[in-house]
Structures are given as structure tokens and as C-alpha cells.
PDB file of N, CA and C in Angstrom:
ATOM      1  N   UNK A   1      -7.434  -8.594  13.493  1.00  0.00           N
ATOM      2  CA  UNK A   1      -7.084  -7.717  12.393  1.00  0.00           C
ATOM      3  C   UNK A   1      -5.565  -7.648  12.290  1.00  0.00           C
ATOM      4  N   UNK A   2      -5.087  -7.818  11.061  1.00  0.00           N
ATOM      5  CA  UNK A   2      -3.660  -7.668  10.789  1.00  0.00           C
ATOM      6  C   UNK A   2      -3.396  -6.216  10.428  1.00  0.00           C
ATOM      7  N   UNK A   3      -2.315  -5.674  10.959  1.00  0.00           N
ATOM      8  CA  UNK A   3      -1.990  -4.276  10.698  1.00  0.00           C
ATOM      9  C   UNK A   3      -0.487  -4.078  10.777  1.00  0.00           C
ATOM     10  N   UNK A   4       0.022  -3.214   9.899  1.00  0.00           N
ATOM     11  CA  UNK A   4       1.454  -2.908   9.924  1.00  0.00           C
ATOM     12  C   UNK A   4       1.682  -1.505   9.375  1.00  0.00           C
ATOM     13  N   UNK A   5       2.596  -0.780   9.999  1.00  0.00           N
ATOM     14  CA  UNK A   5       2.988   0.545   9.517  1.00  0.00           C
ATOM     15  C   UNK A   5       4.341   0.413   8.844  1.00  0.00           C
ATOM     16  N   UNK A   6       4.435   0.954   7.624  1.00  0.00           N
ATOM     17  CA  UNK A   6       5.661   0.849   6.831  1.00  0.00           C
ATOM     18  C   UNK A   6       6.015   2.204   6.228  1.00  0.00           C
ATOM     19  N   UNK A   7       7.257   2.329   5.790  1.00  0.00           N
ATOM     20  CA  UNK A   7       7.734   3.542   5.136  1.00  0.00           C
ATOM     21  C   UNK A   7       7.798   3.300   3.634  1.00  0.00           C
ATOM     22  N   UNK A   8       7.244   4.229   2.860  1.00  0.00           N
ATOM     23  CA  UNK A   8       7.220   4.118   1.402  1.00  0.00           C
ATOM     24  C   UNK A   8       8.621   4.398   0.854  1.00  0.00           C
ATOM     25  N   UNK A   9       9.171   3.431   0.113  1.00  0.00           N
ATOM     26  CA  UNK A   9      10.544   3.531  -0.370  1.00  0.00           C
ATOM     27  C   UNK A   9      10.672   4.130  -1.770  1.00  0.00           C
ATOM     28  N   UNK A  10       9.623   4.061  -2.583  1.00  0.00           N
ATOM     29  CA  UNK A  10       9.731   4.561  -3.959  1.00  0.00           C
ATOM     30  C   UNK A  10      10.091   6.035  -3.970  1.00  0.00           C
ATOM     31  N   UNK A  11      11.028   6.380  -4.839  1.00  0.00           N
ATOM     32  CA  UNK A  11      11.572   7.741  -4.896  1.00  0.00           C
ATOM     33  C   UNK A  11      10.514   8.803  -5.149  1.00  0.00           C
ATOM     34  N   UNK A  12       9.457   8.465  -5.881  1.00  0.00           N
ATOM     35  CA  UNK A  12       8.394   9.436  -6.142  1.00  0.00           C
ATOM     36  C   UNK A  12       7.170   9.177  -5.276  1.00  0.00           C
ATOM     37  N   UNK A  13       7.291   8.282  -4.314  1.00  0.00           N
ATOM     38  CA  UNK A  13       6.156   7.939  -3.472  1.00  0.00           C
ATOM     39  C   UNK A  13       5.187   7.049  -4.227  1.00  0.00           C
ATOM     40  N   UNK A  14       3.927   7.090  -3.830  1.00  0.00           N
ATOM     41  CA  UNK A  14       2.911   6.261  -4.490  1.00  0.00           C
ATOM     42  C   UNK A  14       2.207   7.069  -5.568  1.00  0.00           C
ATOM     43  N   UNK A  15       2.930   7.337  -6.632  1.00  0.00           N
ATOM     44  CA  UNK A  15       2.411   8.067  -7.777  1.00  0.00           C
ATOM     45  C   UNK A  15       2.656   7.238  -9.020  1.00  0.00           C
ATOM     46  N   UNK A  16       1.773   7.363 -10.000  1.00  0.00           N
ATOM     47  CA  UNK A  16       1.888   6.722 -11.304  1.00  0.00           C
ATOM     48  C   UNK A  16       2.258   5.239 -11.218  1.00  0.00           C
ATOM     49  N   UNK A  17       3.432   4.875 -11.704  1.00  0.00           N
ATOM     50  CA  UNK A  17       3.832   3.464 -11.794  1.00  0.00           C
ATOM     51  C   UNK A  17       3.851   2.756 -10.434  1.00  0.00           C
ATOM     52  N   UNK A  18       4.488   3.316  -9.400  1.00  0.00           N
ATOM     53  CA  UNK A  18       4.487   2.613  -8.115  1.00  0.00           C
ATOM     54  C   UNK A  18       3.074   2.388  -7.557  1.00  0.00           C
ATOM     55  N   UNK A  19       2.195   3.365  -7.716  1.00  0.00           N
ATOM     56  CA  UNK A  19       0.818   3.216  -7.228  1.00  0.00           C
ATOM     57  C   UNK A  19       0.099   2.117  -7.997  1.00  0.00           C
ATOM     58  N   UNK A  20       0.338   2.055  -9.298  1.00  0.00           N
ATOM     59  CA  UNK A  20      -0.285   1.030 -10.124  1.00  0.00           C
ATOM     60  C   UNK A  20       0.188  -0.365  -9.719  1.00  0.00           C
ATOM     61  N   UNK A  21       1.495  -0.524  -9.563  1.00  0.00           N
ATOM     62  CA  UNK A  21       2.041  -1.822  -9.152  1.00  0.00           C
ATOM     63  C   UNK A  21       1.533  -2.230  -7.776  1.00  0.00           C
ATOM     64  N   UNK A  22       1.462  -1.268  -6.860  1.00  0.00           N
ATOM     65  CA  UNK A  22       0.974  -1.556  -5.511  1.00  0.00           C
ATOM     66  C   UNK A  22      -0.497  -1.976  -5.545  1.00  0.00           C
ATOM     67  N   UNK A  23      -1.323  -1.235  -6.272  1.00  0.00           N
ATOM     68  CA  UNK A  23      -2.755  -1.553  -6.342  1.00  0.00           C
ATOM     69  C   UNK A  23      -2.998  -2.909  -6.983  1.00  0.00           C
ATOM     70  N   UNK A  24      -2.224  -3.231  -8.018  1.00  0.00           N
ATOM     71  CA  UNK A  24      -2.342  -4.543  -8.656  1.00  0.00           C
ATOM     72  C   UNK A  24      -1.973  -5.658  -7.674  1.00  0.00           C
ATOM     73  N   UNK A  25      -0.927  -5.442  -6.902  1.00  0.00           N
ATOM     74  CA  UNK A  25      -0.514  -6.435  -5.904  1.00  0.00           C
ATOM     75  C   UNK A  25      -1.592  -6.599  -4.836  1.00  0.00           C
ATOM     76  N   UNK A  26      -2.214  -5.490  -4.439  1.00  0.00           N
ATOM     77  CA  UNK A  26      -3.274  -5.545  -3.432  1.00  0.00           C
ATOM     78  C   UNK A  26      -4.472  -6.334  -3.958  1.00  0.00           C
ATOM     79  N   UNK A  27      -4.863  -6.084  -5.202  1.00  0.00           N
ATOM     80  CA  UNK A  27      -5.984  -6.806  -5.803  1.00  0.00           C
ATOM     81  C   UNK A  27      -5.685  -8.299  -5.916  1.00  0.00           C
ATOM     82  N   UNK A  28      -4.427  -8.626  -6.212  1.00  0.00           N
ATOM     83  CA  UNK A  28      -4.027 -10.023  -6.397  1.00  0.00           C
ATOM     84  C   UNK A  28      -4.066 -10.832  -5.102  1.00  0.00           C
ATOM     85  N   UNK A  29      -4.043 -10.172  -3.952  1.00  0.00           N
ATOM     86  CA  UNK A  29      -4.065 -10.908  -2.685  1.00  0.00           C
ATOM     87  C   UNK A  29      -5.414 -11.571  -2.432  1.00  0.00           C
ATOM     88  N   UNK A  30      -6.473 -11.031  -3.023  1.00  0.00           N
ATOM     89  CA  UNK A  30      -7.799 -11.578  -2.782  1.00  0.00           C
ATOM     90  C   UNK A  30      -8.384 -11.178  -1.437  1.00  0.00           C
ATOM     91  N   UNK A  31      -7.717 -10.277  -0.748  1.00  0.00           N
ATOM     92  CA  UNK A  31      -8.142  -9.804   0.569  1.00  0.00           C
ATOM     93  C   UNK A  31      -8.371  -8.296   0.471  1.00  0.00           C
ATOM     94  N   UNK A  32      -9.399  -7.797   1.140  1.00  0.00           N
ATOM     95  CA  UNK A  32      -9.610  -6.355   1.165  1.00  0.00           C
ATOM     96  C   UNK A  32      -8.618  -5.747   2.144  1.00  0.00           C
ATOM     97  N   UNK A  33      -7.714  -4.934   1.615  1.00  0.00           N
ATOM     98  CA  UNK A  33      -6.681  -4.290   2.419  1.00  0.00           C
ATOM     99  C   UNK A  33      -6.913  -2.787   2.369  1.00  0.00           C
ATOM    100  N   UNK A  34      -6.850  -2.154   3.513  1.00  0.00           N
ATOM    101  CA  UNK A  34      -6.993  -0.707   3.597  1.00  0.00           C
ATOM    102  C   UNK A  34      -5.613  -0.074   3.755  1.00  0.00           C
ATOM    103  N   UNK A  35      -5.402   1.031   3.054  1.00  0.00           N
ATOM    104  CA  UNK A  35      -4.170   1.810   3.135  1.00  0.00           C
ATOM    105  C   UNK A  35      -4.524   3.124   3.808  1.00  0.00           C
ATOM    106  N   UNK A  36      -3.839   3.448   4.897  1.00  0.00           N
ATOM    107  CA  UNK A  36      -4.126   4.662   5.651  1.00  0.00           C
ATOM    108  C   UNK A  36      -2.896   5.547   5.677  1.00  0.00           C
ATOM    109  N   UNK A  37      -3.091   6.809   5.289  1.00  0.00           N
ATOM    110  CA  UNK A  37      -1.991   7.780   5.280  1.00  0.00           C
ATOM    111  C   UNK A  37      -1.713   8.263   6.700  1.00  0.00           C
ATOM    112  N   UNK A  38      -0.595   8.958   6.861  1.00  0.00           N
ATOM    113  CA  UNK A  38      -0.253   9.526   8.168  1.00  0.00           C
ATOM    114  C   UNK A  38      -1.293  10.552   8.602  1.00  0.00           C
ATOM    115  N   UNK A  39      -1.996  11.143   7.637  1.00  0.00           N
ATOM    116  CA  UNK A  39      -3.039  12.126   7.937  1.00  0.00           C
ATOM    117  C   UNK A  39      -4.341  11.461   8.388  1.00  0.00           C
ATOM    118  N   UNK A  40      -4.397  10.128   8.299  1.00  0.00           N
ATOM    119  CA  UNK A  40      -5.563   9.402   8.774  1.00  0.00           C
ATOM    120  C   UNK A  40      -6.608   9.075   7.722  1.00  0.00           C
ATOM    121  N   UNK A  41      -6.343   9.393   6.462  1.00  0.00           N
ATOM    122  CA  UNK A  41      -7.278   9.054   5.384  1.00  0.00           C
ATOM    123  C   UNK A  41      -7.043   7.618   4.949  1.00  0.00           C
ATOM    124  N   UNK A  42      -8.135   6.862   4.765  1.00  0.00           N
ATOM    125  CA  UNK A  42      -8.040   5.456   4.378  1.00  0.00           C
ATOM    126  C   UNK A  42      -8.725   5.203   3.048  1.00  0.00           C
ATOM    127  N   UNK A  43      -8.120   4.316   2.255  1.00  0.00           N
ATOM    128  CA  UNK A  43      -8.697   3.889   0.981  1.00  0.00           C
ATOM    129  C   UNK A  43      -8.458   2.397   0.812  1.00  0.00           C
ATOM    130  N   UNK A  44      -9.238   1.794  -0.079  1.00  0.00           N
ATOM    131  CA  UNK A  44      -9.015   0.408  -0.451  1.00  0.00           C
ATOM    132  C   UNK A  44      -7.707   0.359  -1.230  1.00  0.00           C
ATOM    133  N   UNK A  45      -6.776  -0.456  -0.802  1.00  0.00           N
ATOM    134  CA  UNK A  45      -5.446  -0.520  -1.425  1.00  0.00           C
ATOM    135  C   UNK A  45      -5.498  -1.000  -2.871  1.00  0.00           C
ATOM    136  N   UNK A  46      -6.563  -1.693  -3.263  1.00  0.00           N
ATOM    137  CA  UNK A  46      -6.683  -2.183  -4.634  1.00  0.00           C
ATOM    138  C   UNK A  46      -7.210  -1.113  -5.592  1.00  0.00           C
ATOM    139  N   UNK A  47      -7.565   0.044  -5.072  1.00  0.00           N
ATOM    140  CA  UNK A  47      -8.092   1.128  -5.897  1.00  0.00           C
ATOM    141  C   UNK A  47      -6.971   2.091  -6.280  1.00  0.00           C
ATOM    142  N   UNK A  48      -6.567   2.068  -7.544  1.00  0.00           N
ATOM    143  CA  UNK A  48      -5.495   2.950  -7.998  1.00  0.00           C
ATOM    144  C   UNK A  48      -5.871   4.409  -7.778  1.00  0.00           C
ATOM    145  N   UNK A  49      -7.118   4.775  -8.053  1.00  0.00           N
ATOM    146  CA  UNK A  49      -7.532   6.160  -7.855  1.00  0.00           C
ATOM    147  C   UNK A  49      -7.507   6.544  -6.374  1.00  0.00           C
ATOM    148  N   UNK A  50      -7.915   5.612  -5.528  1.00  0.00           N
ATOM    149  CA  UNK A  50      -7.868   5.867  -4.095  1.00  0.00           C
ATOM    150  C   UNK A  50      -6.452   6.075  -3.600  1.00  0.00           C
ATOM    151  N   UNK A  51      -5.549   5.198  -4.036  1.00  0.00           N
ATOM    152  CA  UNK A  51      -4.143   5.299  -3.632  1.00  0.00           C
ATOM    153  C   UNK A  51      -3.550   6.620  -4.106  1.00  0.00           C
ATOM    154  N   UNK A  52      -3.799   6.977  -5.358  1.00  0.00           N
ATOM    155  CA  UNK A  52      -3.287   8.246  -5.890  1.00  0.00           C
ATOM    156  C   UNK A  52      -3.851   9.441  -5.134  1.00  0.00           C
ATOM    157  N   UNK A  53      -5.111   9.347  -4.711  1.00  0.00           N
ATOM    158  CA  UNK A  53      -5.758  10.472  -4.025  1.00  0.00           C
ATOM    159  C   UNK A  53      -5.111  10.800  -2.681  1.00  0.00           C
ATOM    160  N   UNK A  54      -4.387   9.841  -2.111  1.00  0.00           N
ATOM    161  CA  UNK A  54      -3.737  10.087  -0.817  1.00  0.00           C
ATOM    162  C   UNK A  54      -2.493  10.963  -0.958  1.00  0.00           C
ATOM    163  N   UNK A  55      -1.912  11.009  -2.152  1.00  0.00           N
ATOM    164  CA  UNK A  55      -0.736  11.854  -2.375  1.00  0.00           C
ATOM    165  C   UNK A  55       0.445  11.490  -1.498  1.00  0.00           C
ATOM    166  N   UNK A  56       0.706  10.210  -1.343  1.00  0.00           N
ATOM    167  CA  UNK A  56       1.767   9.730  -0.454  1.00  0.00           C
ATOM    168  C   UNK A  56       3.123   9.876  -1.128  1.00  0.00           C
ATOM    169  N   UNK A  57       4.044  10.533  -0.454  1.00  0.00           N
ATOM    170  CA  UNK A  57       5.380  10.774  -0.983  1.00  0.00           C
ATOM    171  C   UNK A  57       6.420   9.815  -0.429  1.00  0.00           C
ATOM    172  N   UNK A  58       7.619   9.912  -0.992  1.00  0.00           N
ATOM    173  CA  UNK A  58       8.760   9.104  -0.552  1.00  0.00           C
ATOM    174  C   UNK A  58       9.031   9.340   0.938  1.00  0.00           C
ATOM    175  N   UNK A  59       9.260   8.264   1.658  1.00  0.00           N
ATOM    176  CA  UNK A  59       9.616   8.347   3.066  1.00  0.00           C
ATOM    177  C   UNK A  59       8.441   8.508   4.011  1.00  0.00           C
ATOM    178  N   UNK A  60       7.225   8.617   3.483  1.00  0.00           N
ATOM    179  CA  UNK A  60       6.057   8.754   4.354  1.00  0.00           C
ATOM    180  C   UNK A  60       5.700   7.410   4.952  1.00  0.00           C
ATOM    181  N   UNK A  61       5.144   7.455   6.147  1.00  0.00           N
ATOM    182  CA  UNK A  61       4.706   6.240   6.832  1.00  0.00           C
ATOM    183  C   UNK A  61       3.226   6.043   6.565  1.00  0.00           C
ATOM    184  N   UNK A  62       2.864   4.817   6.216  1.00  0.00           N
ATOM    185  CA  UNK A  62       1.474   4.453   5.956  1.00  0.00           C
ATOM    186  C   UNK A  62       1.156   3.184   6.729  1.00  0.00           C
ATOM    187  N   UNK A  63      -0.127   2.950   6.930  1.00  0.00           N
ATOM    188  CA  UNK A  63      -0.552   1.754   7.653  1.00  0.00           C
ATOM    189  C   UNK A  63      -1.406   0.886   6.744  1.00  0.00           C
ATOM    190  N   UNK A  64      -1.087  -0.383   6.717  1.00  0.00           N
ATOM    191  CA  UNK A  64      -1.863  -1.386   5.993  1.00  0.00           C
ATOM    192  C   UNK A  64      -2.676  -2.170   7.010  1.00  0.00           C
ATOM    193  N   UNK A  65      -3.935  -2.436   6.701  1.00  0.00           N
ATOM    194  CA  UNK A  65      -4.755  -3.239   7.606  1.00  0.00           C
ATOM    195  C   UNK A  65      -5.700  -4.118   6.807  1.00  0.00           C
ATOM    196  N   UNK A  66      -5.984  -5.307   7.352  1.00  0.00           N
ATOM    197  CA  UNK A  66      -6.881  -6.261   6.700  1.00  0.00           C
ATOM    198  C   UNK A  66      -7.436  -7.212   7.750  1.00  0.00           C
ATOM    199  N   UNK A  67      -8.577  -7.806   7.418  1.00  0.00           N
ATOM    200  CA  UNK A  67      -9.194  -8.790   8.299  1.00  0.00           C
ATOM    201  C   UNK A  67      -9.505 -10.051   7.521  1.00  0.00           C
ATOM    202  N   UNK A  68      -9.616 -11.155   8.246  1.00  0.00           N
ATOM    203  CA  UNK A  68     -10.057 -12.402   7.635  1.00  0.00           C
ATOM    204  C   UNK A  68      -8.927 -13.317   7.227  1.00  0.00           C
ATOM    205  N   UNK A  69      -9.340 -14.401   6.552  1.00  0.00           N
ATOM    206  CA  UNK A  69      -8.377 -15.400   6.083  1.00  0.00           C
ATOM    207  C   UNK A  69      -7.398 -14.773   5.100  1.00  0.00           C
ATOM    208  N   UNK A  70      -6.134 -15.001   5.312  1.00  0.00           N
ATOM    209  CA  UNK A  70      -5.107 -14.497   4.421  1.00  0.00           C
ATOM    210  C   UNK A  70      -4.667 -13.076   4.706  1.00  0.00           C
ATOM    211  N   UNK A  71      -5.218 -12.459   5.747  1.00  0.00           N
ATOM    212  CA  UNK A  71      -4.896 -11.058   6.053  1.00  0.00           C
ATOM    213  C   UNK A  71      -3.409 -10.877   6.364  1.00  0.00           C
ATOM    214  N   UNK A  72      -2.843 -11.747   7.174  1.00  0.00           N
ATOM    215  CA  UNK A  72      -1.428 -11.606   7.541  1.00  0.00           C
ATOM    216  C   UNK A  72      -0.517 -11.741   6.321  1.00  0.00           C
ATOM    217  N   UNK A  73      -0.802 -12.709   5.476  1.00  0.00           N
ATOM    218  CA  UNK A  73       0.015 -12.909   4.266  1.00  0.00           C
ATOM    219  C   UNK A  73      -0.127 -11.716   3.323  1.00  0.00           C
ATOM    220  N   UNK A  74      -1.340 -11.193   3.196  1.00  0.00           N
ATOM    221  CA  UNK A  74      -1.564 -10.037   2.321  1.00  0.00           C
ATOM    222  C   UNK A  74      -0.788  -8.823   2.827  1.00  0.00           C
ATOM    223  N   UNK A  75      -0.818  -8.593   4.125  1.00  0.00           N
ATOM    224  CA  UNK A  75      -0.097  -7.464   4.715  1.00  0.00           C
ATOM    225  C   UNK A  75       1.409  -7.649   4.519  1.00  0.00           C
ATOM    226  N   UNK A  76       1.901  -8.870   4.707  1.00  0.00           N
ATOM    227  CA  UNK A  76       3.330  -9.141   4.501  1.00  0.00           C
ATOM    228  C   UNK A  76       3.741  -8.832   3.057  1.00  0.00           C
ATOM    229  N   UNK A  77       2.958  -9.303   2.109  1.00  0.00           N
ATOM    230  CA  UNK A  77       3.251  -9.086   0.690  1.00  0.00           C
ATOM    231  C   UNK A  77       3.256  -7.608   0.348  1.00  0.00           C
ATOM    232  N   UNK A  78       2.222  -6.884   0.781  1.00  0.00           N
ATOM    233  CA  UNK A  78       2.108  -5.469   0.430  1.00  0.00           C
ATOM    234  C   UNK A  78       3.128  -4.603   1.161  1.00  0.00           C
ATOM    235  N   UNK A  79       3.492  -4.992   2.367  1.00  0.00           N
ATOM    236  CA  UNK A  79       4.538  -4.253   3.080  1.00  0.00           C
ATOM    237  C   UNK A  79       5.857  -4.354   2.313  1.00  0.00           C
ATOM    238  N   UNK A  80       6.144  -5.536   1.789  1.00  0.00           N
ATOM    239  CA  UNK A  80       7.355  -5.720   0.995  1.00  0.00           C
ATOM    240  C   UNK A  80       7.326  -4.846  -0.261  1.00  0.00           C
ATOM    241  N   UNK A  81       6.174  -4.759  -0.901  1.00  0.00           N
ATOM    242  CA  UNK A  81       6.035  -3.914  -2.089  1.00  0.00           C
ATOM    243  C   UNK A  81       6.318  -2.455  -1.733  1.00  0.00           C
ATOM    244  N   UNK A  82       5.737  -1.977  -0.647  1.00  0.00           N
ATOM    245  CA  UNK A  82       5.931  -0.571  -0.258  1.00  0.00           C
ATOM    246  C   UNK A  82       7.354  -0.286   0.168  1.00  0.00           C
ATOM    247  N   UNK A  83       8.043  -1.262   0.729  1.00  0.00           N
ATOM    248  CA  UNK A  83       9.402  -1.067   1.205  1.00  0.00           C
ATOM    249  C   UNK A  83      10.444  -1.241   0.097  1.00  0.00           C
ATOM    250  N   UNK A  84       9.983  -1.427  -1.146  1.00  0.00           N
ATOM    251  CA  UNK A  84      10.841  -1.585  -2.310  1.00  0.00           C
ATOM    252  C   UNK A  84      10.740  -0.325  -3.163  1.00  0.00           C
ATOM    253  N   UNK A  85      11.867   0.155  -3.679  1.00  0.00           N
ATOM    254  CA  UNK A  85      11.827   1.312  -4.571  1.00  0.00           C
ATOM    255  C   UNK A  85      11.370   0.809  -5.944  1.00  0.00           C
ATOM    256  N   UNK A  86      10.096   0.943  -6.215  1.00  0.00           N
ATOM    257  CA  UNK A  86       9.501   0.427  -7.456  1.00  0.00           C
ATOM    258  C   UNK A  86       9.930   1.223  -8.680  1.00  0.00           C
ATOM    259  N   UNK A  87      10.546   2.355  -8.486  1.00  0.00           N
ATOM    260  CA  UNK A  87      11.045   3.150  -9.604  1.00  0.00           C
ATOM    261  C   UNK A  87      12.351   2.603 -10.149  1.00  0.00           C
ATOM    262  N   UNK A  88      13.035   1.772  -9.377  1.00  0.00           N
ATOM    263  CA  UNK A  88      14.331   1.227  -9.782  1.00  0.00           C
ATOM    264  C   UNK A  88      14.198  -0.106 -10.482  1.00  0.00           C
ATOM    265  N   UNK A  89      13.011  -0.695 -10.452  1.00  0.00           N
ATOM    266  CA  UNK A  89      12.839  -2.032 -11.036  1.00  0.00           C
ATOM    267  C   UNK A  89      12.340  -1.957 -12.450  1.00  0.00           C
TER     268      UNK A  89
END
């Protein structure tokens, strides 16, 4: 299992636009990736509603995890997305 803990860089956290961009990127990987909040709640990273339900703010640490072929590449891609301030792009 591939797993990585990252800090959310977007100024508003994973809300609205950043959550949408992140979920789209997760779906595009073709791998089921789970996003886990610091509180321990997990959702499918490709689910915009799931991501929004976590209420993740700027600077919070989250964990990405995936299994199977392409898991490491998917985690690398999504970690980069989370570590980018998507509100500035």
C-alpha cells in the first residue's frame, strides 16, 4: 500500500474550487485513492462531496493512501496537488 501524509496548501483548504480540482485529479489517476483527515475520517478522493464533507482547512495534515498498480504514481500526483495553493492558479 502506498501512503503519504501531506499538508494542504490552498488558502481556503479543500473547499469549493480546490476540492473540485483535487477530486478531478484523483478520478483521472484511474486508481482508488482514499483521503483521510487528521480526525481519522476517510473518503474516496475522487468524490467531491466526500472531500467537502471532511471540512479540511489550510495547513491541515491529511493522508493519501492507495493500493495496486499505479498507486505510487497516483499518490505522488495527488500529493503535489495538495501541496499547491490551488486558489492562486
